[in-house]
Every structure is written in C-alpha cells, then in structure tokens.
Amino acid sequence: MTLPVAEFKVYTGASGATESPTGGATNINLMNTDAYDTTGSMFQTSLIPIPVSGTSYSYERIFRLKVTGIFNLIDNIKVWKSTGDLSDSHLVIAAAVSTTASTPVKTASAIATTTIPVTEGTALDATPSGGITASPGYTKYVYLQLQVPTTVTVFGQVGVHTIAVQYDIT
C-alpha cells in the first residue's frame, strides 16, 4: 500500500494567490517572520523592530497541506506548535485557520487572533468540511503571525519552532 503524499504549500501575494513551492520540499520556512511576504531570504534586511509604542507585526504566514495519492478520507487534521521556545516571553505567535487565503498583512491580523496551541489536545482544526476525499486535496489555510510588543527585551532571532500536523487516513 502506498501512503498519500502531504506537501506544505505557503501562500503569498495578492489574495494569497501565489503558492510556493510549486513542487515538493523537505524544509520550508513556514514562518518567515520578517516584514516581507515571500518565502525568500529578505528576513535579514526586512527585520521586525521592537516598537517604541504599541506592537510590531510580521506579515501573516499562510500555509496549508496539499495531499495527493490514493485514499478514501483524510480527516481530523490538527495543527499545533510542538517544540520551540520563544527567545523572549513577551513575543507571541498568533494563529488561526480559515477556508480562504487573503493578502498577507503586516498589521494586526483579523484572522490569526489567538496564541498558537502548544499541545495536540488544544490544536487548531484544519479539516475542511467533509474532510479530504479526492486527490489532490487541501486542508484549510493556517495563518501564523509574530507579534512584537514594546515589552520585548531580547533582540535577535525568535528561535526555531516545529509546527506539527497530524491527520487520520482511511
């Protein structure tokens, strides 16, 4: 039996219309938390500053899984941050799921409004209505956004985090 293939797809650009990568990938920067809405390396020149007042935001990072292969149903799709500690306790990774992709914003997200879950039991549900029943099929869109308030005191990288995705296949 051949298992289905699940690929991460990141969405950028106007209306979240640009899907990247177009092929498979083994390591994708799901949350390029800079002030740039592509999967490139601009994070070194487009940093998110610690603001004098209020909060600075990364561009929303929007992704979903594309599943191909032979299967009857993929459901119970869960997403959470399984490992990694933020470099400063005041930093927040906000998250949510949506049935649509929109143009990523670098202001307060209207979609990613709660802190990303850190356990399977509180995970986001990325299962589309009725589950995935045909190949290729897609999960709901997952939105992530880094929030940097004035209270942050640790400068530099936010650390490495693992986003876990789990699903049932029949």
N, C-alpha and C. Protein backbone atom coordinates (compact mmCIF):
# COMPACT_ATOMS: atom_id res chain seq x y z
N MET A 1 0.84 -1.19 0.00
CA MET A 1 0.00 0.00 0.00
C MET A 1 0.88 1.24 0.00
N THR A 2 0.59 2.16 -0.88
CA THR A 2 1.32 3.42 -0.95
C THR A 2 0.54 4.48 -0.18
N LEU A 3 1.22 5.14 0.75
CA LEU A 3 0.57 6.20 1.52
C LEU A 3 0.49 7.47 0.69
N PRO A 4 -0.51 8.30 0.94
CA PRO A 4 -0.60 9.59 0.26
C PRO A 4 0.60 10.46 0.61
N VAL A 5 0.88 11.43 -0.25
CA VAL A 5 1.96 12.38 -0.04
C VAL A 5 1.35 13.70 0.42
N ALA A 6 1.87 14.25 1.51
CA ALA A 6 1.41 15.54 2.02
C ALA A 6 2.54 16.54 1.85
N GLU A 7 2.25 17.67 1.17
CA GLU A 7 3.25 18.72 0.94
C GLU A 7 2.77 20.02 1.56
N PHE A 8 3.68 20.75 2.23
CA PHE A 8 3.37 22.08 2.72
C PHE A 8 3.36 23.04 1.54
N LYS A 9 2.35 23.89 1.50
CA LYS A 9 2.27 24.93 0.49
C LYS A 9 2.09 26.26 1.22
N VAL A 10 2.95 27.23 0.92
CA VAL A 10 2.90 28.55 1.55
C VAL A 10 2.30 29.52 0.55
N TYR A 11 1.45 30.43 1.02
CA TYR A 11 0.73 31.35 0.14
C TYR A 11 1.12 32.79 0.44
N THR A 12 1.46 33.52 -0.63
CA THR A 12 1.87 34.91 -0.52
C THR A 12 1.20 35.71 -1.63
N GLY A 13 1.43 37.01 -1.64
CA GLY A 13 0.94 37.86 -2.72
C GLY A 13 -0.50 38.26 -2.57
N ALA A 14 -1.00 38.99 -3.54
CA ALA A 14 -2.37 39.49 -3.53
C ALA A 14 -3.35 38.33 -3.43
N SER A 15 -4.25 38.42 -2.50
CA SER A 15 -5.29 37.40 -2.24
C SER A 15 -4.69 36.04 -1.91
N GLY A 16 -3.44 36.02 -1.45
CA GLY A 16 -2.81 34.75 -1.11
C GLY A 16 -2.75 33.81 -2.29
N ALA A 17 -2.64 34.38 -3.51
CA ALA A 17 -2.77 33.59 -4.72
C ALA A 17 -1.51 32.86 -5.15
N THR A 18 -0.35 33.23 -4.63
CA THR A 18 0.89 32.61 -5.06
C THR A 18 1.21 31.43 -4.15
N GLU A 19 1.21 30.22 -4.72
CA GLU A 19 1.51 29.00 -3.96
C GLU A 19 2.98 28.66 -4.14
N SER A 20 3.68 28.43 -3.03
CA SER A 20 5.08 28.09 -3.10
C SER A 20 5.36 27.00 -2.07
N PRO A 21 6.19 26.06 -2.29
CA PRO A 21 6.84 25.82 -3.57
C PRO A 21 5.88 25.14 -4.54
N THR A 22 6.19 25.23 -5.82
CA THR A 22 5.33 24.62 -6.81
C THR A 22 5.52 23.11 -6.84
N GLY A 23 6.66 22.64 -6.39
CA GLY A 23 6.93 21.20 -6.29
C GLY A 23 7.03 20.79 -4.83
N GLY A 24 7.59 19.64 -4.58
CA GLY A 24 7.75 19.17 -3.21
C GLY A 24 8.93 19.85 -2.54
N ALA A 25 8.95 19.85 -1.24
CA ALA A 25 10.06 20.41 -0.47
C ALA A 25 10.17 19.65 0.84
N THR A 26 11.36 19.54 1.34
CA THR A 26 11.55 18.84 2.61
C THR A 26 11.73 19.80 3.77
N ASN A 27 12.04 21.05 3.50
CA ASN A 27 12.24 22.02 4.57
C ASN A 27 11.78 23.38 4.08
N ILE A 28 10.69 23.87 4.63
CA ILE A 28 10.13 25.16 4.22
C ILE A 28 10.10 26.07 5.43
N ASN A 29 10.49 27.30 5.24
CA ASN A 29 10.37 28.29 6.30
C ASN A 29 8.90 28.71 6.36
N LEU A 30 8.13 28.03 7.20
CA LEU A 30 6.70 28.30 7.27
C LEU A 30 6.41 29.67 7.85
N MET A 31 7.30 30.15 8.67
CA MET A 31 7.05 31.45 9.28
C MET A 31 8.26 32.33 9.12
N ASN A 32 8.44 32.85 7.93
CA ASN A 32 9.48 33.84 7.69
C ASN A 32 8.96 35.11 8.33
N THR A 33 9.29 35.32 9.59
CA THR A 33 8.63 36.33 10.42
C THR A 33 9.11 37.74 10.18
N ASP A 34 9.54 38.02 8.99
CA ASP A 34 10.00 39.36 8.69
C ASP A 34 8.87 40.23 8.13
N ALA A 35 9.25 41.41 7.71
CA ALA A 35 8.29 42.34 7.14
C ALA A 35 8.24 42.19 5.62
N TYR A 36 8.20 40.97 5.15
CA TYR A 36 8.25 40.69 3.72
C TYR A 36 7.37 39.48 3.46
N ASP A 37 6.53 39.52 2.44
CA ASP A 37 5.54 38.45 2.30
C ASP A 37 5.90 37.40 1.26
N THR A 38 7.16 37.00 1.17
CA THR A 38 7.52 35.91 0.28
C THR A 38 8.29 34.86 1.06
N THR A 39 8.68 33.81 0.40
CA THR A 39 9.45 32.76 1.07
C THR A 39 10.94 32.95 0.84
N GLY A 40 11.34 34.11 0.38
CA GLY A 40 12.75 34.40 0.10
C GLY A 40 13.57 34.65 1.35
N SER A 41 14.72 35.25 1.18
CA SER A 41 15.64 35.46 2.31
C SER A 41 15.69 36.91 2.75
N MET A 42 14.63 37.67 2.51
CA MET A 42 14.61 39.08 2.86
C MET A 42 14.59 39.32 4.37
N PHE A 43 14.45 38.26 5.17
CA PHE A 43 14.36 38.47 6.61
C PHE A 43 15.60 39.15 7.18
N GLN A 44 16.70 39.06 6.51
CA GLN A 44 17.92 39.70 7.01
C GLN A 44 17.93 41.20 6.77
N THR A 45 17.16 41.69 5.81
CA THR A 45 17.13 43.12 5.54
C THR A 45 15.78 43.75 5.85
N SER A 46 14.79 42.96 6.18
CA SER A 46 13.44 43.48 6.47
C SER A 46 13.01 43.01 7.86
N LEU A 47 13.79 43.36 8.86
CA LEU A 47 13.54 42.91 10.23
C LEU A 47 12.29 43.56 10.83
N ILE A 48 11.72 42.91 11.83
CA ILE A 48 10.58 43.45 12.55
C ILE A 48 11.12 44.14 13.79
N PRO A 49 10.98 45.45 13.89
CA PRO A 49 11.57 46.16 15.03
C PRO A 49 10.76 46.02 16.31
N ILE A 50 11.44 46.20 17.44
CA ILE A 50 10.73 46.35 18.70
C ILE A 50 10.23 47.79 18.69
N PRO A 51 8.92 47.98 18.77
CA PRO A 51 8.38 49.34 18.61
C PRO A 51 8.58 50.21 19.87
N VAL A 52 8.55 51.50 19.67
CA VAL A 52 8.62 52.46 20.78
C VAL A 52 7.30 52.42 21.54
N SER A 53 6.20 52.22 20.81
CA SER A 53 4.89 52.07 21.45
C SER A 53 4.07 51.09 20.61
N GLY A 54 3.12 50.45 21.25
CA GLY A 54 2.26 49.51 20.54
C GLY A 54 2.94 48.18 20.24
N THR A 55 2.62 47.62 19.09
CA THR A 55 3.11 46.30 18.70
C THR A 55 3.51 46.32 17.23
N SER A 56 4.62 45.65 16.90
CA SER A 56 5.01 45.42 15.51
C SER A 56 4.56 44.02 15.12
N TYR A 57 4.29 43.82 13.85
CA TYR A 57 3.78 42.54 13.37
C TYR A 57 4.58 42.06 12.17
N SER A 58 4.74 40.74 12.09
CA SER A 58 5.27 40.14 10.87
C SER A 58 4.14 40.13 9.85
N TYR A 59 4.49 39.89 8.59
CA TYR A 59 3.44 39.57 7.64
C TYR A 59 2.79 38.27 8.10
N GLU A 60 1.51 38.11 7.85
CA GLU A 60 0.88 36.82 8.11
C GLU A 60 1.56 35.77 7.24
N ARG A 61 1.80 34.61 7.80
CA ARG A 61 2.31 33.48 7.02
C ARG A 61 1.12 32.55 6.86
N ILE A 62 0.77 32.24 5.62
CA ILE A 62 -0.40 31.41 5.32
C ILE A 62 0.09 30.13 4.67
N PHE A 63 -0.33 28.99 5.20
CA PHE A 63 0.05 27.72 4.59
C PHE A 63 -1.08 26.71 4.72
N ARG A 64 -0.99 25.64 3.96
CA ARG A 64 -1.89 24.51 4.08
C ARG A 64 -1.19 23.29 3.50
N LEU A 65 -1.75 22.12 3.75
CA LEU A 65 -1.22 20.88 3.18
C LEU A 65 -1.96 20.54 1.91
N LYS A 66 -1.20 20.09 0.93
CA LYS A 66 -1.75 19.53 -0.30
C LYS A 66 -1.50 18.02 -0.22
N VAL A 67 -2.55 17.23 -0.35
CA VAL A 67 -2.43 15.77 -0.25
C VAL A 67 -2.75 15.14 -1.59
N THR A 68 -1.84 14.28 -2.05
CA THR A 68 -2.05 13.56 -3.31
C THR A 68 -1.86 12.07 -3.06
N GLY A 69 -2.40 11.26 -3.94
CA GLY A 69 -2.24 9.82 -3.82
C GLY A 69 -3.58 9.13 -3.72
N ILE A 70 -3.54 7.90 -3.22
CA ILE A 70 -4.75 7.09 -3.11
C ILE A 70 -5.19 7.03 -1.66
N PHE A 71 -6.42 7.44 -1.41
CA PHE A 71 -7.01 7.39 -0.07
C PHE A 71 -8.52 7.55 -0.21
N ASN A 72 -9.25 7.17 0.82
CA ASN A 72 -10.69 7.36 0.84
C ASN A 72 -11.06 8.66 1.55
N LEU A 73 -10.40 8.89 2.70
CA LEU A 73 -10.74 10.06 3.51
C LEU A 73 -9.55 10.44 4.37
N ILE A 74 -9.26 11.73 4.39
CA ILE A 74 -8.29 12.29 5.34
C ILE A 74 -9.08 13.29 6.17
N ASP A 75 -9.10 13.05 7.47
CA ASP A 75 -9.84 13.95 8.35
C ASP A 75 -9.12 14.08 9.68
N ASN A 76 -9.76 14.78 10.63
CA ASN A 76 -9.19 15.02 11.95
C ASN A 76 -7.80 15.65 11.81
N ILE A 77 -7.70 16.69 10.98
CA ILE A 77 -6.42 17.34 10.70
C ILE A 77 -6.15 18.39 11.78
N LYS A 78 -5.08 18.19 12.53
CA LYS A 78 -4.74 19.05 13.67
C LYS A 78 -3.39 19.72 13.45
N VAL A 79 -3.27 20.98 13.90
CA VAL A 79 -2.04 21.76 13.76
C VAL A 79 -1.73 22.44 15.09
N TRP A 80 -0.45 22.31 15.53
CA TRP A 80 -0.02 22.97 16.76
C TRP A 80 1.49 23.16 16.73
N LYS A 81 2.00 23.98 17.64
CA LYS A 81 3.44 24.17 17.78
C LYS A 81 3.92 23.14 18.79
N SER A 82 4.67 22.15 18.30
CA SER A 82 5.05 21.04 19.18
C SER A 82 6.37 21.26 19.91
N THR A 83 7.28 22.04 19.35
CA THR A 83 8.54 22.32 20.04
C THR A 83 8.98 23.74 19.75
N GLY A 84 9.88 24.22 20.61
CA GLY A 84 10.48 25.54 20.43
C GLY A 84 10.00 26.52 21.47
N ASP A 85 10.94 27.28 21.97
CA ASP A 85 10.64 28.34 22.93
C ASP A 85 10.98 29.68 22.30
N LEU A 86 10.13 30.66 22.52
CA LEU A 86 10.40 32.00 22.00
C LEU A 86 11.56 32.61 22.78
N SER A 87 12.37 33.40 22.11
CA SER A 87 13.55 33.98 22.74
C SER A 87 13.20 35.02 23.80
N ASP A 88 11.99 35.52 23.81
CA ASP A 88 11.53 36.48 24.80
C ASP A 88 10.10 36.11 25.17
N SER A 89 9.80 36.11 26.44
CA SER A 89 8.47 35.67 26.90
C SER A 89 7.34 36.60 26.47
N HIS A 90 7.67 37.80 26.00
CA HIS A 90 6.63 38.74 25.56
C HIS A 90 6.25 38.56 24.09
N LEU A 91 7.06 37.83 23.33
CA LEU A 91 6.71 37.56 21.93
C LEU A 91 5.52 36.63 21.87
N VAL A 92 4.70 36.78 20.84
CA VAL A 92 3.52 35.94 20.65
C VAL A 92 3.47 35.46 19.21
N ILE A 93 3.21 34.17 19.03
CA ILE A 93 2.88 33.66 17.70
C ILE A 93 1.38 33.45 17.70
N ALA A 94 0.68 34.29 16.95
CA ALA A 94 -0.77 34.18 16.84
C ALA A 94 -1.10 33.23 15.70
N ALA A 95 -2.23 32.54 15.80
CA ALA A 95 -2.59 31.54 14.79
C ALA A 95 -4.10 31.40 14.67
N ALA A 96 -4.53 30.85 13.54
CA ALA A 96 -5.94 30.51 13.30
C ALA A 96 -6.03 29.77 11.97
N VAL A 97 -7.20 29.21 11.70
CA VAL A 97 -7.45 28.57 10.40
C VAL A 97 -8.58 29.31 9.70
N SER A 98 -8.60 29.20 8.37
CA SER A 98 -9.62 29.84 7.56
C SER A 98 -9.87 28.99 6.32
N THR A 99 -11.04 29.15 5.74
CA THR A 99 -11.34 28.43 4.50
C THR A 99 -10.83 29.17 3.27
N THR A 100 -10.33 30.40 3.46
CA THR A 100 -9.83 31.18 2.34
C THR A 100 -8.48 31.81 2.67
N ALA A 101 -7.70 32.09 1.63
CA ALA A 101 -6.45 32.83 1.79
C ALA A 101 -6.71 34.28 1.40
N SER A 102 -6.06 35.18 2.08
CA SER A 102 -6.21 36.60 1.76
C SER A 102 -4.81 37.20 1.57
N THR A 103 -4.77 38.45 1.17
CA THR A 103 -3.49 39.12 1.03
C THR A 103 -2.86 39.25 2.41
N PRO A 104 -1.63 38.72 2.61
CA PRO A 104 -0.99 38.82 3.92
C PRO A 104 -0.81 40.28 4.34
N VAL A 105 -1.10 40.56 5.61
CA VAL A 105 -0.94 41.91 6.16
C VAL A 105 0.17 41.91 7.19
N LYS A 106 0.78 43.07 7.40
CA LYS A 106 1.78 43.20 8.46
C LYS A 106 1.29 44.14 9.55
N THR A 107 -0.03 44.23 9.67
CA THR A 107 -0.70 44.89 10.78
C THR A 107 -1.38 43.77 11.57
N ALA A 108 -2.07 44.12 12.62
CA ALA A 108 -2.73 43.09 13.43
C ALA A 108 -3.65 42.25 12.55
N SER A 109 -3.43 40.95 12.54
CA SER A 109 -4.23 40.04 11.73
C SER A 109 -5.67 40.01 12.21
N ALA A 110 -6.59 40.04 11.28
CA ALA A 110 -8.01 39.88 11.61
C ALA A 110 -8.35 38.40 11.74
N ILE A 111 -7.44 37.51 11.30
CA ILE A 111 -7.70 36.08 11.33
C ILE A 111 -6.91 35.39 12.43
N ALA A 112 -5.58 35.58 12.46
CA ALA A 112 -4.73 34.96 13.49
C ALA A 112 -4.81 35.80 14.75
N THR A 113 -5.79 35.51 15.60
CA THR A 113 -6.06 36.36 16.76
C THR A 113 -5.81 35.67 18.10
N THR A 114 -5.45 34.39 18.10
CA THR A 114 -5.18 33.71 19.36
C THR A 114 -3.78 33.10 19.33
N THR A 115 -3.21 32.86 20.48
CA THR A 115 -1.88 32.26 20.57
C THR A 115 -1.93 30.84 20.02
N ILE A 116 -0.89 30.47 19.27
CA ILE A 116 -0.86 29.14 18.66
C ILE A 116 -0.90 28.07 19.76
N PRO A 117 -1.72 27.05 19.59
CA PRO A 117 -1.76 25.97 20.58
C PRO A 117 -0.41 25.25 20.65
N VAL A 118 -0.10 24.74 21.84
CA VAL A 118 1.18 24.04 22.03
C VAL A 118 1.00 22.59 22.44
N THR A 119 -0.23 22.08 22.33
CA THR A 119 -0.48 20.66 22.59
C THR A 119 -1.47 20.13 21.56
N GLU A 120 -1.40 18.84 21.34
CA GLU A 120 -2.33 18.20 20.41
C GLU A 120 -3.78 18.37 20.87
N GLY A 121 -3.99 18.34 22.18
CA GLY A 121 -5.34 18.44 22.73
C GLY A 121 -6.01 19.78 22.48
N THR A 122 -5.23 20.82 22.26
CA THR A 122 -5.79 22.15 22.00
C THR A 122 -5.52 22.62 20.58
N ALA A 123 -5.11 21.71 19.71
CA ALA A 123 -4.67 22.04 18.36
C ALA A 123 -5.77 22.70 17.52
N LEU A 124 -5.32 23.45 16.52
CA LEU A 124 -6.23 24.03 15.53
C LEU A 124 -6.79 22.91 14.66
N ASP A 125 -8.03 23.02 14.26
CA ASP A 125 -8.64 22.02 13.38
C ASP A 125 -8.61 22.55 11.94
N ALA A 126 -7.74 21.95 11.12
CA ALA A 126 -7.59 22.39 9.73
C ALA A 126 -8.34 21.49 8.76
N THR A 127 -9.29 20.69 9.27
CA THR A 127 -10.06 19.78 8.43
C THR A 127 -11.10 20.54 7.62
N PRO A 128 -11.07 20.43 6.29
CA PRO A 128 -12.13 21.07 5.51
C PRO A 128 -13.46 20.36 5.74
N SER A 129 -14.55 21.01 5.44
CA SER A 129 -15.87 20.42 5.61
C SER A 129 -15.94 19.09 4.86
N GLY A 130 -16.27 18.03 5.56
CA GLY A 130 -16.37 16.71 4.95
C GLY A 130 -15.04 15.99 4.81
N GLY A 131 -13.94 16.62 5.25
CA GLY A 131 -12.63 16.02 5.12
C GLY A 131 -12.12 16.11 3.69
N ILE A 132 -10.97 15.49 3.45
CA ILE A 132 -10.40 15.45 2.10
C ILE A 132 -10.74 14.09 1.51
N THR A 133 -11.47 14.09 0.40
CA THR A 133 -11.93 12.83 -0.18
C THR A 133 -11.41 12.57 -1.59
N ALA A 134 -10.69 13.53 -2.18
CA ALA A 134 -10.19 13.37 -3.55
C ALA A 134 -8.76 13.90 -3.64
N SER A 135 -8.02 13.37 -4.59
CA SER A 135 -6.63 13.77 -4.82
C SER A 135 -6.55 14.60 -6.09
N PRO A 136 -5.92 15.77 -6.08
CA PRO A 136 -5.31 16.39 -4.92
C PRO A 136 -6.37 17.04 -4.03
N GLY A 137 -6.07 17.10 -2.75
CA GLY A 137 -6.96 17.73 -1.78
C GLY A 137 -6.16 18.63 -0.87
N TYR A 138 -6.86 19.59 -0.25
CA TYR A 138 -6.19 20.58 0.58
C TYR A 138 -6.87 20.69 1.95
N THR A 139 -6.04 21.01 2.95
CA THR A 139 -6.57 21.35 4.27
C THR A 139 -7.08 22.79 4.23
N LYS A 140 -7.63 23.25 5.34
CA LYS A 140 -7.93 24.68 5.47
C LYS A 140 -6.60 25.43 5.51
N TYR A 141 -6.64 26.73 5.32
CA TYR A 141 -5.46 27.58 5.41
C TYR A 141 -5.14 27.83 6.88
N VAL A 142 -3.87 27.77 7.22
CA VAL A 142 -3.41 28.08 8.57
C VAL A 142 -2.68 29.41 8.51
N TYR A 143 -3.07 30.33 9.38
CA TYR A 143 -2.46 31.65 9.45
C TYR A 143 -1.58 31.72 10.70
N LEU A 144 -0.36 32.25 10.54
CA LEU A 144 0.54 32.50 11.66
C LEU A 144 1.01 33.95 11.57
N GLN A 145 1.23 34.58 12.72
CA GLN A 145 1.77 35.94 12.72
C GLN A 145 2.53 36.17 14.01
N LEU A 146 3.75 36.71 13.89
CA LEU A 146 4.54 37.07 15.05
C LEU A 146 4.14 38.46 15.51
N GLN A 147 3.92 38.60 16.83
CA GLN A 147 3.58 39.88 17.43
C GLN A 147 4.74 40.29 18.35
N VAL A 148 5.26 41.51 18.13
CA VAL A 148 6.41 42.01 18.89
C VAL A 148 5.97 43.28 19.64
N PRO A 149 5.66 43.16 20.94
CA PRO A 149 5.25 44.34 21.71
C PRO A 149 6.45 45.14 22.23
N THR A 150 6.20 46.30 22.76
CA THR A 150 7.26 47.18 23.30
C THR A 150 7.99 46.54 24.48
N THR A 151 7.38 45.57 25.14
CA THR A 151 7.97 44.96 26.33
C THR A 151 9.06 43.94 26.03
N VAL A 152 9.29 43.63 24.75
CA VAL A 152 10.34 42.68 24.38
C VAL A 152 11.71 43.27 24.72
N THR A 153 12.55 42.48 25.37
CA THR A 153 13.89 42.94 25.74
C THR A 153 15.01 42.13 25.10
N VAL A 154 14.69 40.95 24.53
CA VAL A 154 15.70 40.11 23.90
C VAL A 154 15.68 40.38 22.40
N PHE A 155 16.79 40.87 21.88
CA PHE A 155 16.91 41.20 20.47
C PHE A 155 17.39 39.98 19.69
N GLY A 156 17.08 39.93 18.41
CA GLY A 156 17.61 38.88 17.55
C GLY A 156 16.56 37.87 17.15
N GLN A 157 17.03 36.67 16.81
CA GLN A 157 16.16 35.60 16.32
C GLN A 157 15.15 35.17 17.38
N VAL A 158 13.99 34.72 16.94
CA VAL A 158 12.94 34.28 17.87
C VAL A 158 13.09 32.81 18.25
N GLY A 159 13.99 32.11 17.60
CA GLY A 159 14.19 30.69 17.90
C GLY A 159 13.53 29.82 16.85
N VAL A 160 13.88 28.54 16.89
CA VAL A 160 13.34 27.56 15.95
C VAL A 160 12.13 26.88 16.58
N HIS A 161 11.07 26.73 15.82
CA HIS A 161 9.83 26.13 16.30
C HIS A 161 9.38 25.07 15.32
N THR A 162 8.80 24.02 15.83
CA THR A 162 8.27 22.96 14.97
C THR A 162 6.75 23.03 14.98
N ILE A 163 6.17 23.13 13.80
CA ILE A 163 4.72 23.11 13.66
C ILE A 163 4.33 21.67 13.30
N ALA A 164 3.54 21.05 14.17
CA ALA A 164 3.11 19.67 13.96
C ALA A 164 1.78 19.65 13.24
N VAL A 165 1.66 18.73 12.29
CA VAL A 165 0.40 18.49 11.57
C VAL A 165 0.12 17.00 11.67
N GLN A 166 -1.06 16.67 12.13
CA GLN A 166 -1.46 15.27 12.28
C GLN A 166 -2.81 15.07 11.64
N TYR A 167 -3.03 13.89 11.05
CA TYR A 167 -4.32 13.62 10.42
C TYR A 167 -4.57 12.13 10.41
N ASP A 168 -5.83 11.76 10.21
CA ASP A 168 -6.24 10.36 10.10
C ASP A 168 -6.50 10.03 8.63
N ILE A 169 -6.08 8.83 8.20
CA ILE A 169 -6.27 8.40 6.82
C ILE A 169 -7.07 7.09 6.82
N THR A 170 -8.09 7.05 5.96
CA THR A 170 -8.81 5.79 5.74
C THR A 170 -8.94 5.55 4.26
